[in-house]
């Protein structure tokens, strides 16, 4: 009889080791994906990420069945930071300060992580959280714009879609340097003030997902 417990214990040991190994592989894949996306954007091939992680492509797909699943998980923390920045801006008793702080934070995130903006602003059929948070972001930005305008600090002809226009401009500048991005944002925020009353052309009907096209399925 004493042999039976020992057999059970020996059978459980490989299962526990496999679970730990699976967690280790998952962490390595996510670390490799974050590094690759930050440096090169989200179009990095899955095979490249698997190679950087030191695992086979089949192992990667066992942990993350689709590219969208991998991208979503890789940027979960950054997404939470982006959502928190919007919540902080809406909670700021000074609407103009909240608006400026949000613009500065999101543009700084663009400058330091090339992959995040593309991930957040692309459409992924099986990444429901990203689509939901993007819709929430658009609604929150519209509220923030209205508050800043009602406070008399943001120019009356500023449209929520102008935030997308700003992000489009910043995407190009971030290819040069983070310092160039900060300079551009400073210029633009000054031009958004309510005392800048020179007339502008009508706003372009831009949505957040227009900044980056959806990545091809792989």
N, C-alpha and C. Protein backbone atom coordinates (compact mmCIF):
# COMPACT_ATOMS: atom_id res chain seq x y z
N UNK A 1 0.80 -1.23 0.00
CA UNK A 1 0.00 0.00 0.00
C UNK A 1 0.84 1.28 0.00
N UNK A 2 1.97 1.34 0.73
CA UNK A 2 2.71 2.59 0.74
C UNK A 2 3.21 2.98 -0.63
N UNK A 3 3.28 2.00 -1.57
CA UNK A 3 3.79 2.35 -2.90
C UNK A 3 2.82 3.25 -3.65
N UNK A 4 1.53 3.15 -3.35
CA UNK A 4 0.54 3.92 -4.11
C UNK A 4 0.68 5.43 -3.95
N UNK A 5 0.82 5.96 -2.71
CA UNK A 5 1.01 7.41 -2.61
C UNK A 5 2.24 7.90 -3.33
N UNK A 6 3.32 7.11 -3.27
CA UNK A 6 4.53 7.56 -3.95
C UNK A 6 4.33 7.61 -5.45
N UNK A 7 3.53 6.67 -6.00
CA UNK A 7 3.25 6.71 -7.44
C UNK A 7 2.45 7.95 -7.80
N UNK A 8 1.48 8.30 -6.94
CA UNK A 8 0.68 9.49 -7.21
C UNK A 8 1.54 10.74 -7.16
N UNK A 9 2.45 10.77 -6.17
CA UNK A 9 3.31 11.93 -6.05
C UNK A 9 4.20 12.08 -7.26
N UNK A 10 4.75 10.95 -7.75
CA UNK A 10 5.64 11.02 -8.90
C UNK A 10 4.88 11.41 -10.15
N UNK A 11 3.60 11.03 -10.23
CA UNK A 11 2.80 11.41 -11.40
C UNK A 11 2.45 12.88 -11.37
N UNK A 12 2.28 13.46 -10.15
CA UNK A 12 1.91 14.85 -10.04
C UNK A 12 3.09 15.77 -10.33
N UNK A 13 4.28 15.32 -10.06
CA UNK A 13 5.46 16.17 -10.23
C UNK A 13 5.64 16.65 -11.66
N UNK A 14 5.55 15.76 -12.69
CA UNK A 14 5.70 16.23 -14.06
C UNK A 14 4.62 17.24 -14.44
N UNK A 15 3.38 17.05 -13.94
CA UNK A 15 2.30 17.99 -14.27
C UNK A 15 2.61 19.36 -13.71
N UNK A 16 3.10 19.40 -12.46
CA UNK A 16 3.45 20.68 -11.87
C UNK A 16 4.59 21.33 -12.63
N UNK A 17 5.57 20.50 -13.03
CA UNK A 17 6.70 21.04 -13.78
C UNK A 17 6.24 21.58 -15.13
N UNK A 18 5.29 20.89 -15.74
CA UNK A 18 4.79 21.34 -17.04
C UNK A 18 4.07 22.68 -16.90
N UNK A 19 3.29 22.84 -15.84
CA UNK A 19 2.58 24.11 -15.63
C UNK A 19 3.58 25.26 -15.44
N UNK A 20 4.61 25.01 -14.66
CA UNK A 20 5.62 26.05 -14.45
C UNK A 20 6.34 26.37 -15.76
N UNK A 21 6.64 25.34 -16.54
CA UNK A 21 7.32 25.54 -17.81
C UNK A 21 6.43 26.32 -18.78
N UNK A 22 5.14 26.01 -18.77
CA UNK A 22 4.21 26.72 -19.64
C UNK A 22 4.14 28.20 -19.25
N UNK A 23 4.10 28.47 -17.95
CA UNK A 23 4.08 29.87 -17.51
C UNK A 23 5.37 30.58 -17.92
N UNK A 24 6.49 29.88 -17.79
CA UNK A 24 7.77 30.47 -18.17
C UNK A 24 7.79 30.80 -19.66
N UNK A 25 7.33 29.87 -20.49
CA UNK A 25 7.28 30.12 -21.95
C UNK A 25 6.36 31.29 -22.28
N UNK A 26 5.24 31.35 -21.59
CA UNK A 26 4.29 32.44 -21.84
C UNK A 26 4.92 33.79 -21.51
N UNK A 27 5.60 33.86 -20.39
CA UNK A 27 6.25 35.11 -20.00
C UNK A 27 7.33 35.51 -21.00
N UNK A 28 8.09 34.53 -21.46
CA UNK A 28 9.15 34.82 -22.44
C UNK A 28 8.55 35.32 -23.75
N UNK A 29 7.45 34.72 -24.17
CA UNK A 29 6.80 35.15 -25.41
C UNK A 29 6.29 36.58 -25.27
N UNK A 30 5.66 36.90 -24.14
CA UNK A 30 5.13 38.24 -23.95
C UNK A 30 6.25 39.28 -23.87
N UNK A 31 7.33 38.94 -23.18
CA UNK A 31 8.46 39.87 -23.11
C UNK A 31 9.04 40.13 -24.50
N UNK A 32 9.19 39.07 -25.27
CA UNK A 32 9.74 39.21 -26.63
C UNK A 32 8.79 40.02 -27.50
N UNK A 33 7.49 39.79 -27.36
CA UNK A 33 6.51 40.51 -28.17
C UNK A 33 6.52 42.00 -27.82
N UNK A 34 6.55 42.33 -26.53
CA UNK A 34 6.56 43.74 -26.12
C UNK A 34 7.78 44.46 -26.66
N UNK A 35 8.94 43.82 -26.56
CA UNK A 35 10.17 44.44 -27.06
C UNK A 35 10.09 44.66 -28.57
N UNK A 36 9.62 43.64 -29.28
CA UNK A 36 9.55 43.74 -30.74
C UNK A 36 8.53 44.78 -31.18
N UNK A 37 7.35 44.80 -30.54
CA UNK A 37 6.32 45.76 -30.91
C UNK A 37 6.75 47.19 -30.59
N UNK A 38 7.41 47.37 -29.44
CA UNK A 38 7.85 48.71 -29.06
C UNK A 38 8.86 49.26 -30.06
N UNK A 39 9.73 48.39 -30.57
CA UNK A 39 10.77 48.84 -31.49
C UNK A 39 10.30 48.94 -32.94
N UNK A 40 9.41 48.04 -33.35
CA UNK A 40 9.09 47.94 -34.78
C UNK A 40 7.60 48.02 -35.10
N UNK A 41 6.72 48.13 -34.11
CA UNK A 41 5.30 48.13 -34.39
C UNK A 41 4.73 46.73 -34.38
N UNK A 42 3.41 46.63 -34.58
CA UNK A 42 2.73 45.35 -34.40
C UNK A 42 2.78 44.44 -35.64
N UNK A 43 3.45 44.87 -36.70
CA UNK A 43 3.53 44.03 -37.88
C UNK A 43 4.68 43.04 -37.82
N UNK A 44 5.36 42.96 -36.69
CA UNK A 44 6.45 41.99 -36.55
C UNK A 44 5.88 40.58 -36.71
N UNK A 45 6.47 39.74 -37.56
CA UNK A 45 5.93 38.39 -37.75
C UNK A 45 5.99 37.55 -36.48
N UNK A 46 5.03 36.67 -36.35
CA UNK A 46 4.99 35.77 -35.20
C UNK A 46 6.25 34.92 -35.13
N UNK A 47 6.77 34.53 -36.29
CA UNK A 47 7.99 33.71 -36.29
C UNK A 47 9.16 34.46 -35.67
N UNK A 48 9.23 35.76 -35.88
CA UNK A 48 10.30 36.56 -35.29
C UNK A 48 10.16 36.60 -33.78
N UNK A 49 8.94 36.76 -33.30
CA UNK A 49 8.71 36.80 -31.85
C UNK A 49 9.05 35.46 -31.22
N UNK A 50 8.64 34.37 -31.86
CA UNK A 50 8.96 33.05 -31.33
C UNK A 50 10.47 32.85 -31.25
N UNK A 51 11.18 33.29 -32.28
CA UNK A 51 12.64 33.15 -32.28
C UNK A 51 13.27 33.98 -31.17
N UNK A 52 12.79 35.20 -30.98
CA UNK A 52 13.32 36.05 -29.90
C UNK A 52 13.05 35.44 -28.53
N UNK A 53 11.91 34.77 -28.41
CA UNK A 53 11.54 34.16 -27.13
C UNK A 53 12.24 32.83 -26.91
N UNK A 54 12.84 32.27 -27.94
CA UNK A 54 13.50 30.98 -27.81
C UNK A 54 12.54 29.81 -27.74
N UNK A 55 11.38 29.95 -28.40
CA UNK A 55 10.39 28.87 -28.42
C UNK A 55 10.00 28.60 -29.87
N UNK A 56 9.36 27.49 -30.10
CA UNK A 56 8.86 27.17 -31.43
C UNK A 56 7.56 27.92 -31.71
N UNK A 57 7.25 28.06 -32.99
CA UNK A 57 6.02 28.75 -33.37
C UNK A 57 4.80 27.98 -32.83
N UNK A 58 4.87 26.64 -32.83
CA UNK A 58 3.75 25.85 -32.32
C UNK A 58 3.52 26.14 -30.84
N UNK A 59 4.59 26.32 -30.09
CA UNK A 59 4.45 26.66 -28.67
C UNK A 59 3.79 28.02 -28.51
N UNK A 60 4.20 28.97 -29.32
CA UNK A 60 3.59 30.30 -29.25
C UNK A 60 2.09 30.22 -29.51
N UNK A 61 1.71 29.48 -30.54
CA UNK A 61 0.29 29.40 -30.88
C UNK A 61 -0.51 28.61 -29.85
N UNK A 62 0.14 27.71 -29.11
CA UNK A 62 -0.58 27.03 -28.03
C UNK A 62 -0.94 28.01 -26.92
N UNK A 63 -0.07 28.96 -26.68
CA UNK A 63 -0.33 29.95 -25.64
C UNK A 63 -1.24 31.08 -26.15
N UNK A 64 -1.05 31.46 -27.42
CA UNK A 64 -1.80 32.58 -28.02
C UNK A 64 -2.28 32.14 -29.40
N UNK A 65 -3.53 31.69 -29.50
CA UNK A 65 -4.02 31.09 -30.75
C UNK A 65 -4.03 32.02 -31.95
N UNK A 66 -4.09 33.35 -31.73
CA UNK A 66 -4.12 34.30 -32.83
C UNK A 66 -3.15 35.44 -32.55
N UNK A 67 -2.76 36.17 -33.59
CA UNK A 67 -1.93 37.37 -33.41
C UNK A 67 -2.65 38.39 -32.55
N UNK A 68 -3.97 38.53 -32.75
CA UNK A 68 -4.73 39.50 -31.97
C UNK A 68 -4.67 39.17 -30.49
N UNK A 69 -4.75 37.88 -30.15
CA UNK A 69 -4.68 37.48 -28.75
C UNK A 69 -3.32 37.84 -28.15
N UNK A 70 -2.26 37.63 -28.92
CA UNK A 70 -0.91 37.96 -28.44
C UNK A 70 -0.76 39.47 -28.27
N UNK A 71 -1.22 40.24 -29.24
CA UNK A 71 -1.10 41.69 -29.18
C UNK A 71 -1.91 42.24 -28.01
N UNK A 72 -3.12 41.74 -27.84
CA UNK A 72 -3.98 42.20 -26.76
C UNK A 72 -3.32 41.98 -25.41
N UNK A 73 -2.79 40.77 -25.20
CA UNK A 73 -2.16 40.45 -23.92
C UNK A 73 -0.88 41.24 -23.72
N UNK A 74 -0.12 41.42 -24.79
CA UNK A 74 1.15 42.14 -24.69
C UNK A 74 0.94 43.59 -24.25
N UNK A 75 -0.19 44.18 -24.65
CA UNK A 75 -0.42 45.59 -24.36
C UNK A 75 -1.47 45.81 -23.29
N UNK A 76 -1.80 44.77 -22.54
CA UNK A 76 -2.84 44.92 -21.51
C UNK A 76 -2.46 45.98 -20.49
N UNK A 77 -1.20 45.99 -20.07
CA UNK A 77 -0.78 46.97 -19.06
C UNK A 77 -0.82 48.39 -19.61
N UNK A 78 -0.33 48.56 -20.85
CA UNK A 78 -0.35 49.89 -21.45
C UNK A 78 -1.78 50.38 -21.66
N UNK A 79 -2.66 49.44 -22.02
CA UNK A 79 -4.07 49.80 -22.20
C UNK A 79 -4.65 50.31 -20.90
N UNK A 80 -4.32 49.63 -19.80
CA UNK A 80 -4.82 50.06 -18.50
C UNK A 80 -4.30 51.46 -18.16
N UNK A 81 -3.04 51.74 -18.50
CA UNK A 81 -2.48 53.06 -18.24
C UNK A 81 -3.19 54.14 -19.07
N UNK A 82 -3.52 53.80 -20.31
CA UNK A 82 -4.21 54.74 -21.18
C UNK A 82 -5.61 55.05 -20.65
N UNK A 83 -6.31 54.01 -20.21
CA UNK A 83 -7.64 54.19 -19.65
C UNK A 83 -7.57 55.01 -18.37
N UNK A 84 -6.55 54.74 -17.54
CA UNK A 84 -6.39 55.48 -16.29
C UNK A 84 -6.11 56.96 -16.58
N UNK A 85 -5.32 57.23 -17.61
CA UNK A 85 -5.01 58.62 -17.97
C UNK A 85 -6.28 59.37 -18.37
N UNK A 86 -7.16 58.71 -19.11
CA UNK A 86 -8.42 59.34 -19.50
C UNK A 86 -9.30 59.57 -18.28
N UNK A 87 -9.37 58.58 -17.39
CA UNK A 87 -10.17 58.75 -16.17
C UNK A 87 -9.64 59.91 -15.33
N UNK A 88 -8.31 60.00 -15.20
CA UNK A 88 -7.72 61.10 -14.43
C UNK A 88 -8.05 62.45 -15.05
N UNK A 89 -8.01 62.51 -16.38
CA UNK A 89 -8.31 63.77 -17.07
C UNK A 89 -9.76 64.18 -16.82
N UNK A 90 -10.66 63.22 -16.85
CA UNK A 90 -12.08 63.53 -16.62
C UNK A 90 -12.34 63.91 -15.17
N UNK A 91 -11.53 63.39 -14.24
CA UNK A 91 -11.71 63.70 -12.83
C UNK A 91 -11.04 65.01 -12.42
N UNK A 92 -10.18 65.54 -13.28
CA UNK A 92 -9.47 66.78 -12.93
C UNK A 92 -10.48 67.93 -12.83
N UNK A 93 -10.48 68.67 -11.71
CA UNK A 93 -11.43 69.79 -11.60
C UNK A 93 -11.15 70.91 -12.58
N UNK A 94 -9.95 70.95 -13.16
CA UNK A 94 -9.62 71.93 -14.18
C UNK A 94 -9.71 71.25 -15.54
N UNK A 95 -10.79 71.46 -16.30
CA UNK A 95 -10.96 70.72 -17.57
C UNK A 95 -9.83 70.95 -18.56
N UNK A 96 -9.32 72.16 -18.63
CA UNK A 96 -8.24 72.44 -19.59
C UNK A 96 -6.96 71.69 -19.20
N UNK A 97 -6.64 71.72 -17.91
CA UNK A 97 -5.46 70.98 -17.45
C UNK A 97 -5.64 69.48 -17.72
N UNK A 98 -6.84 68.96 -17.46
CA UNK A 98 -7.09 67.55 -17.73
C UNK A 98 -6.91 67.22 -19.20
N UNK A 99 -7.43 68.08 -20.06
CA UNK A 99 -7.30 67.87 -21.50
C UNK A 99 -5.83 67.88 -21.92
N UNK A 100 -5.07 68.88 -21.48
CA UNK A 100 -3.66 68.99 -21.86
C UNK A 100 -2.85 67.80 -21.34
N UNK A 101 -3.13 67.40 -20.10
CA UNK A 101 -2.39 66.29 -19.50
C UNK A 101 -2.63 65.00 -20.27
N UNK A 102 -3.88 64.77 -20.67
CA UNK A 102 -4.18 63.56 -21.43
C UNK A 102 -3.45 63.56 -22.76
N UNK A 103 -3.51 64.68 -23.48
CA UNK A 103 -2.82 64.77 -24.77
C UNK A 103 -1.33 64.52 -24.61
N UNK A 104 -0.73 65.12 -23.59
CA UNK A 104 0.71 64.94 -23.37
C UNK A 104 1.05 63.50 -23.04
N UNK A 105 0.24 62.85 -22.21
CA UNK A 105 0.52 61.47 -21.81
C UNK A 105 0.40 60.51 -23.00
N UNK A 106 -0.69 60.64 -23.77
CA UNK A 106 -0.91 59.73 -24.89
C UNK A 106 0.15 59.93 -25.96
N UNK A 107 0.51 61.18 -26.23
CA UNK A 107 1.54 61.44 -27.24
C UNK A 107 2.90 60.95 -26.78
N UNK A 108 3.19 61.05 -25.48
CA UNK A 108 4.44 60.51 -24.95
C UNK A 108 4.45 59.00 -25.07
N UNK A 109 3.31 58.35 -24.87
CA UNK A 109 3.22 56.91 -25.02
C UNK A 109 3.48 56.51 -26.48
N UNK A 110 2.96 57.30 -27.41
CA UNK A 110 3.24 57.04 -28.82
C UNK A 110 4.74 57.11 -29.10
N UNK A 111 5.39 58.10 -28.49
CA UNK A 111 6.81 58.33 -28.77
C UNK A 111 7.70 57.23 -28.22
N UNK A 112 7.29 56.59 -27.12
CA UNK A 112 8.15 55.60 -26.48
C UNK A 112 7.82 54.17 -26.88
N UNK A 113 6.64 53.94 -27.42
CA UNK A 113 6.24 52.57 -27.75
C UNK A 113 5.49 52.57 -29.07
N UNK A 114 6.18 52.24 -30.14
CA UNK A 114 5.59 52.30 -31.47
C UNK A 114 4.44 51.32 -31.64
N UNK A 115 4.45 50.25 -30.87
CA UNK A 115 3.41 49.25 -31.07
C UNK A 115 2.09 49.56 -30.41
N UNK A 116 2.14 50.29 -29.28
CA UNK A 116 0.90 50.44 -28.52
C UNK A 116 -0.18 51.18 -29.28
N UNK A 117 0.16 52.30 -29.89
CA UNK A 117 -0.86 53.08 -30.59
C UNK A 117 -1.50 52.26 -31.70
N UNK A 118 -0.68 51.54 -32.43
CA UNK A 118 -1.22 50.71 -33.51
C UNK A 118 -2.13 49.63 -32.95
N UNK A 119 -1.73 49.03 -31.84
CA UNK A 119 -2.56 47.99 -31.24
C UNK A 119 -3.89 48.55 -30.75
N UNK A 120 -3.82 49.68 -30.06
CA UNK A 120 -5.04 50.25 -29.48
C UNK A 120 -5.99 50.75 -30.55
N UNK A 121 -5.46 51.25 -31.66
CA UNK A 121 -6.29 51.89 -32.66
C UNK A 121 -6.65 50.99 -33.84
N UNK A 122 -6.20 49.75 -33.83
CA UNK A 122 -6.57 48.81 -34.88
C UNK A 122 -7.80 48.02 -34.44
N UNK A 123 -8.45 47.42 -35.40
CA UNK A 123 -9.64 46.62 -35.10
C UNK A 123 -9.27 45.13 -35.11
N UNK A 124 -9.54 44.47 -33.99
CA UNK A 124 -9.28 43.04 -33.89
C UNK A 124 -10.60 42.33 -33.58
N UNK A 125 -11.06 41.45 -34.48
CA UNK A 125 -12.35 40.80 -34.26
C UNK A 125 -12.45 40.05 -32.95
N UNK A 126 -11.34 39.44 -32.49
CA UNK A 126 -11.43 38.65 -31.26
C UNK A 126 -10.78 39.35 -30.08
N UNK A 127 -10.58 40.64 -30.19
CA UNK A 127 -10.02 41.41 -29.07
C UNK A 127 -11.09 42.38 -28.59
N UNK A 128 -12.09 41.84 -27.92
CA UNK A 128 -13.26 42.62 -27.55
C UNK A 128 -12.88 43.77 -26.62
N UNK A 129 -11.95 43.53 -25.71
CA UNK A 129 -11.57 44.56 -24.75
C UNK A 129 -11.01 45.80 -25.45
N UNK A 130 -10.20 45.59 -26.49
CA UNK A 130 -9.64 46.74 -27.19
C UNK A 130 -10.74 47.53 -27.87
N UNK A 131 -11.67 46.87 -28.52
CA UNK A 131 -12.76 47.58 -29.18
C UNK A 131 -13.61 48.33 -28.17
N UNK A 132 -13.90 47.69 -27.04
CA UNK A 132 -14.71 48.33 -26.01
C UNK A 132 -14.01 49.53 -25.40
N UNK A 133 -12.72 49.39 -25.12
CA UNK A 133 -11.98 50.50 -24.53
C UNK A 133 -11.81 51.65 -25.52
N UNK A 134 -11.67 51.32 -26.81
CA UNK A 134 -11.56 52.38 -27.80
C UNK A 134 -12.86 53.18 -27.87
N UNK A 135 -13.99 52.48 -27.84
CA UNK A 135 -15.29 53.17 -27.85
C UNK A 135 -15.44 54.03 -26.60
N UNK A 136 -15.00 53.49 -25.48
CA UNK A 136 -15.05 54.26 -24.24
C UNK A 136 -14.14 55.48 -24.34
N UNK A 137 -12.97 55.31 -24.95
CA UNK A 137 -12.03 56.43 -25.10
C UNK A 137 -12.65 57.53 -25.94
N UNK A 138 -13.30 57.17 -27.03
CA UNK A 138 -13.91 58.19 -27.90
C UNK A 138 -15.00 58.96 -27.15
N UNK A 139 -15.81 58.24 -26.37
CA UNK A 139 -16.86 58.91 -25.60
C UNK A 139 -16.24 59.81 -24.53
N UNK A 140 -15.18 59.32 -23.87
CA UNK A 140 -14.53 60.11 -22.84
C UNK A 140 -13.86 61.35 -23.39
N UNK A 141 -13.23 61.22 -24.55
CA UNK A 141 -12.60 62.38 -25.19
C UNK A 141 -13.64 63.43 -25.55
N UNK A 142 -14.79 62.98 -26.05
CA UNK A 142 -15.86 63.93 -26.38
C UNK A 142 -16.32 64.69 -25.14
N UNK A 143 -16.44 63.99 -24.01
CA UNK A 143 -16.82 64.64 -22.76
C UNK A 143 -15.75 65.64 -22.33
N UNK A 144 -14.50 65.23 -22.46
CA UNK A 144 -13.39 66.10 -22.05
C UNK A 144 -13.36 67.37 -22.88
N UNK A 145 -13.59 67.23 -24.17
CA UNK A 145 -13.62 68.39 -25.07
C UNK A 145 -14.76 69.33 -24.68
N UNK A 146 -15.93 68.77 -24.42
CA UNK A 146 -17.07 69.62 -24.05
C UNK A 146 -16.80 70.37 -22.75
N UNK A 147 -16.20 69.68 -21.77
CA UNK A 147 -15.92 70.33 -20.48
C UNK A 147 -14.93 71.49 -20.66
N UNK A 148 -13.89 71.26 -21.44
CA UNK A 148 -12.89 72.31 -21.64
C UNK A 148 -13.48 73.49 -22.41
N UNK A 149 -14.37 73.20 -23.34
CA UNK A 149 -15.03 74.29 -24.08
C UNK A 149 -16.01 75.04 -23.19
N UNK A 150 -16.77 74.32 -22.38
CA UNK A 150 -17.72 74.97 -21.48
C UNK A 150 -17.01 75.85 -20.46
N UNK A 151 -15.76 75.48 -20.12
CA UNK A 151 -14.98 76.28 -19.18
C UNK A 151 -14.35 77.49 -19.86
N UNK A 152 -14.52 77.61 -21.18
CA UNK A 152 -13.98 78.74 -21.90
C UNK A 152 -12.48 78.66 -22.15
N UNK A 153 -11.91 77.46 -22.08
CA UNK A 153 -10.46 77.33 -22.24
C UNK A 153 -10.06 76.72 -23.57
N UNK A 154 -10.92 75.86 -24.12
CA UNK A 154 -10.64 75.20 -25.39
C UNK A 154 -11.44 75.89 -26.48
N UNK A 155 -10.82 76.16 -27.62
CA UNK A 155 -11.49 76.88 -28.69
C UNK A 155 -12.79 76.18 -29.08
N UNK A 156 -13.80 76.97 -29.39
CA UNK A 156 -15.15 76.45 -29.61
C UNK A 156 -15.24 75.58 -30.85
N UNK A 157 -14.36 75.79 -31.83
CA UNK A 157 -14.44 75.01 -33.06
C UNK A 157 -13.58 73.74 -33.02
N UNK A 158 -13.02 73.42 -31.85
CA UNK A 158 -12.28 72.17 -31.71
C UNK A 158 -13.28 71.02 -31.69
N UNK A 159 -13.02 69.98 -32.48
CA UNK A 159 -13.89 68.81 -32.54
C UNK A 159 -13.18 67.61 -31.94
N UNK A 160 -13.90 66.66 -31.34
CA UNK A 160 -13.25 65.45 -30.81
C UNK A 160 -12.39 64.74 -31.84
N UNK A 161 -12.79 64.79 -33.11
CA UNK A 161 -11.99 64.14 -34.15
C UNK A 161 -10.64 64.81 -34.34
N UNK A 162 -10.49 66.04 -33.83
CA UNK A 162 -9.19 66.71 -33.92
C UNK A 162 -8.14 66.02 -33.05
N UNK A 163 -8.57 65.26 -32.04
CA UNK A 163 -7.62 64.47 -31.25
C UNK A 163 -6.99 63.41 -32.13
N UNK A 164 -7.80 62.78 -32.98
CA UNK A 164 -7.26 61.80 -33.92
C UNK A 164 -6.29 62.47 -34.89
N UNK A 165 -6.64 63.66 -35.34
CA UNK A 165 -5.75 64.40 -36.22
C UNK A 165 -4.41 64.67 -35.54
N UNK A 166 -4.47 65.04 -34.27
CA UNK A 166 -3.25 65.28 -33.50
C UNK A 166 -2.41 64.00 -33.41
N UNK A 167 -3.07 62.87 -33.13
CA UNK A 167 -2.33 61.61 -33.00
C UNK A 167 -1.72 61.19 -34.34
N UNK A 168 -2.42 61.47 -35.42
CA UNK A 168 -1.86 61.18 -36.74
C UNK A 168 -0.59 61.98 -36.97
N UNK A 169 -0.63 63.27 -36.63
CA UNK A 169 0.56 64.11 -36.80
C UNK A 169 1.69 63.62 -35.90
N UNK A 170 1.35 63.26 -34.67
CA UNK A 170 2.39 62.83 -33.73
C UNK A 170 3.01 61.51 -34.14
N UNK A 171 2.22 60.64 -34.78
CA UNK A 171 2.76 59.36 -35.25
C UNK A 171 3.94 59.59 -36.18
N UNK A 172 3.80 60.56 -37.07
CA UNK A 172 4.90 60.85 -38.00
C UNK A 172 6.10 61.43 -37.31
N UNK A 173 5.86 62.31 -36.34
CA UNK A 173 6.97 62.97 -35.66
C UNK A 173 7.73 62.02 -34.76
N UNK A 174 7.04 61.05 -34.18
CA UNK A 174 7.72 60.11 -33.28
C UNK A 174 8.77 59.29 -34.00
N UNK A 175 8.68 59.22 -35.32
CA UNK A 175 9.72 58.53 -36.08
C UNK A 175 11.05 59.28 -36.00
N UNK A 176 10.99 60.57 -35.68
CA UNK A 176 12.20 61.39 -35.59
C UNK A 176 12.79 61.31 -34.19
N UNK A 177 12.02 61.76 -33.19
CA UNK A 177 12.51 61.71 -31.82
C UNK A 177 11.39 62.06 -30.86
N UNK A 178 11.56 61.66 -29.58
CA UNK A 178 10.59 62.02 -28.55
C UNK A 178 10.61 63.52 -28.31
N UNK A 179 11.78 64.15 -28.44
CA UNK A 179 11.86 65.60 -28.24
C UNK A 179 11.04 66.34 -29.30
N UNK A 180 11.09 65.86 -30.54
CA UNK A 180 10.30 66.48 -31.60
C UNK A 180 8.81 66.33 -31.31
N UNK A 181 8.43 65.19 -30.75
CA UNK A 181 7.03 64.97 -30.39
C UNK A 181 6.60 65.97 -29.32
N UNK A 182 7.40 66.15 -28.30
CA UNK A 182 7.04 67.10 -27.23
C UNK A 182 6.91 68.52 -27.78
N UNK A 183 7.80 68.87 -28.71
CA UNK A 183 7.74 70.21 -29.31
C UNK A 183 6.44 70.39 -30.10
N UNK A 184 6.09 69.40 -30.88
CA UNK A 184 4.85 69.47 -31.66
C UNK A 184 3.64 69.59 -30.76
N UNK A 185 3.60 68.77 -29.73
CA UNK A 185 2.46 68.80 -28.81
C UNK A 185 2.34 70.17 -28.15
N UNK A 186 3.47 70.76 -27.76
CA UNK A 186 3.44 72.09 -27.17
C UNK A 186 2.85 73.13 -28.10
N UNK A 187 3.29 73.09 -29.36
CA UNK A 187 2.75 74.02 -30.35
C UNK A 187 1.24 73.82 -30.52
N UNK A 188 0.83 72.57 -30.64
CA UNK A 188 -0.58 72.30 -30.91
C UNK A 188 -1.46 72.70 -29.73
N UNK A 189 -1.04 72.39 -28.53
CA UNK A 189 -1.85 72.76 -27.37
C UNK A 189 -2.04 74.27 -27.28
N UNK A 190 -1.01 75.03 -27.63
CA UNK A 190 -1.17 76.48 -27.65
C UNK A 190 -2.22 76.90 -28.70
N UNK A 191 -2.20 76.24 -29.83
CA UNK A 191 -3.16 76.61 -30.89
C UNK A 191 -4.58 76.20 -30.55
N UNK A 192 -4.76 75.27 -29.58
CA UNK A 192 -6.10 74.83 -29.20
C UNK A 192 -6.77 75.76 -28.21
N UNK A 193 -6.05 76.70 -27.64
CA UNK A 193 -6.62 77.58 -26.62
C UNK A 193 -7.74 78.44 -27.18
N UNK A 194 -8.66 78.77 -26.31
CA UNK A 194 -9.86 79.51 -26.74
C UNK A 194 -9.54 80.89 -27.27
N UNK A 195 -8.41 81.47 -26.85
CA UNK A 195 -8.09 82.81 -27.34
C UNK A 195 -7.44 82.80 -28.71
N UNK A 196 -7.25 81.61 -29.28
CA UNK A 196 -6.76 81.52 -30.65
C UNK A 196 -7.98 81.41 -31.57
N UNK A 197 -8.45 82.52 -32.08
CA UNK A 197 -9.76 82.57 -32.72
C UNK A 197 -9.72 82.65 -34.24
N UNK A 198 -8.53 82.56 -34.83
CA UNK A 198 -8.48 82.59 -36.30
C UNK A 198 -9.28 81.41 -36.83
N UNK A 199 -10.12 81.62 -37.85
CA UNK A 199 -10.98 80.53 -38.36
C UNK A 199 -10.16 79.40 -38.98
N UNK A 200 -10.71 78.20 -38.87
CA UNK A 200 -10.08 77.00 -39.41
C UNK A 200 -10.99 76.34 -40.43
N UNK A 201 -10.44 75.50 -41.31
CA UNK A 201 -11.30 74.67 -42.17
C UNK A 201 -12.14 73.74 -41.29
N UNK A 202 -13.22 73.20 -41.81
CA UNK A 202 -14.06 72.31 -40.99
C UNK A 202 -13.31 71.06 -40.57
N UNK A 203 -13.71 70.45 -39.44
CA UNK A 203 -13.00 69.26 -38.96
C UNK A 203 -13.16 68.07 -39.90
N UNK A 204 -12.15 67.23 -39.92
CA UNK A 204 -12.21 66.01 -40.71
C UNK A 204 -12.91 64.92 -39.89
N UNK A 205 -13.81 64.15 -40.50
CA UNK A 205 -14.54 63.11 -39.76
C UNK A 205 -13.66 61.89 -39.50
N UNK A 206 -12.75 62.01 -38.56
CA UNK A 206 -11.79 60.94 -38.26
C UNK A 206 -12.17 60.22 -36.98
N UNK A 207 -12.05 58.89 -37.00
CA UNK A 207 -12.24 58.08 -35.80
C UNK A 207 -10.89 57.50 -35.41
N UNK A 208 -10.79 57.06 -34.15
CA UNK A 208 -9.50 56.58 -33.66
C UNK A 208 -8.95 55.42 -34.49
N UNK A 209 -9.82 54.53 -34.94
CA UNK A 209 -9.32 53.35 -35.66
C UNK A 209 -8.77 53.72 -37.03
N UNK A 210 -9.01 54.95 -37.50
CA UNK A 210 -8.50 55.35 -38.81
C UNK A 210 -6.99 55.59 -38.80
N UNK A 211 -6.39 55.71 -37.62
CA UNK A 211 -4.96 56.02 -37.55
C UNK A 211 -4.12 54.87 -38.09
N UNK A 212 -4.54 53.65 -37.81
CA UNK A 212 -3.80 52.48 -38.30
C UNK A 212 -4.79 51.49 -38.90
N UNK A 213 -4.48 50.92 -40.04
CA UNK A 213 -5.37 49.87 -40.59
C UNK A 213 -5.24 48.61 -39.79
N UNK A 214 -6.25 47.77 -39.91
CA UNK A 214 -6.18 46.47 -39.24
C UNK A 214 -5.05 45.65 -39.80
N UNK A 215 -4.30 44.93 -38.94
CA UNK A 215 -3.23 44.09 -39.44
C UNK A 215 -3.79 42.88 -40.17
N UNK A 216 -3.08 42.34 -41.14
CA UNK A 216 -3.56 41.15 -41.83
C UNK A 216 -3.60 39.96 -40.90
N UNK A 217 -4.56 39.10 -41.09
CA UNK A 217 -4.65 37.88 -40.28
C UNK A 217 -3.48 36.96 -40.59
N UNK A 218 -2.92 36.36 -39.55
CA UNK A 218 -1.80 35.44 -39.75
C UNK A 218 -1.98 34.22 -38.86
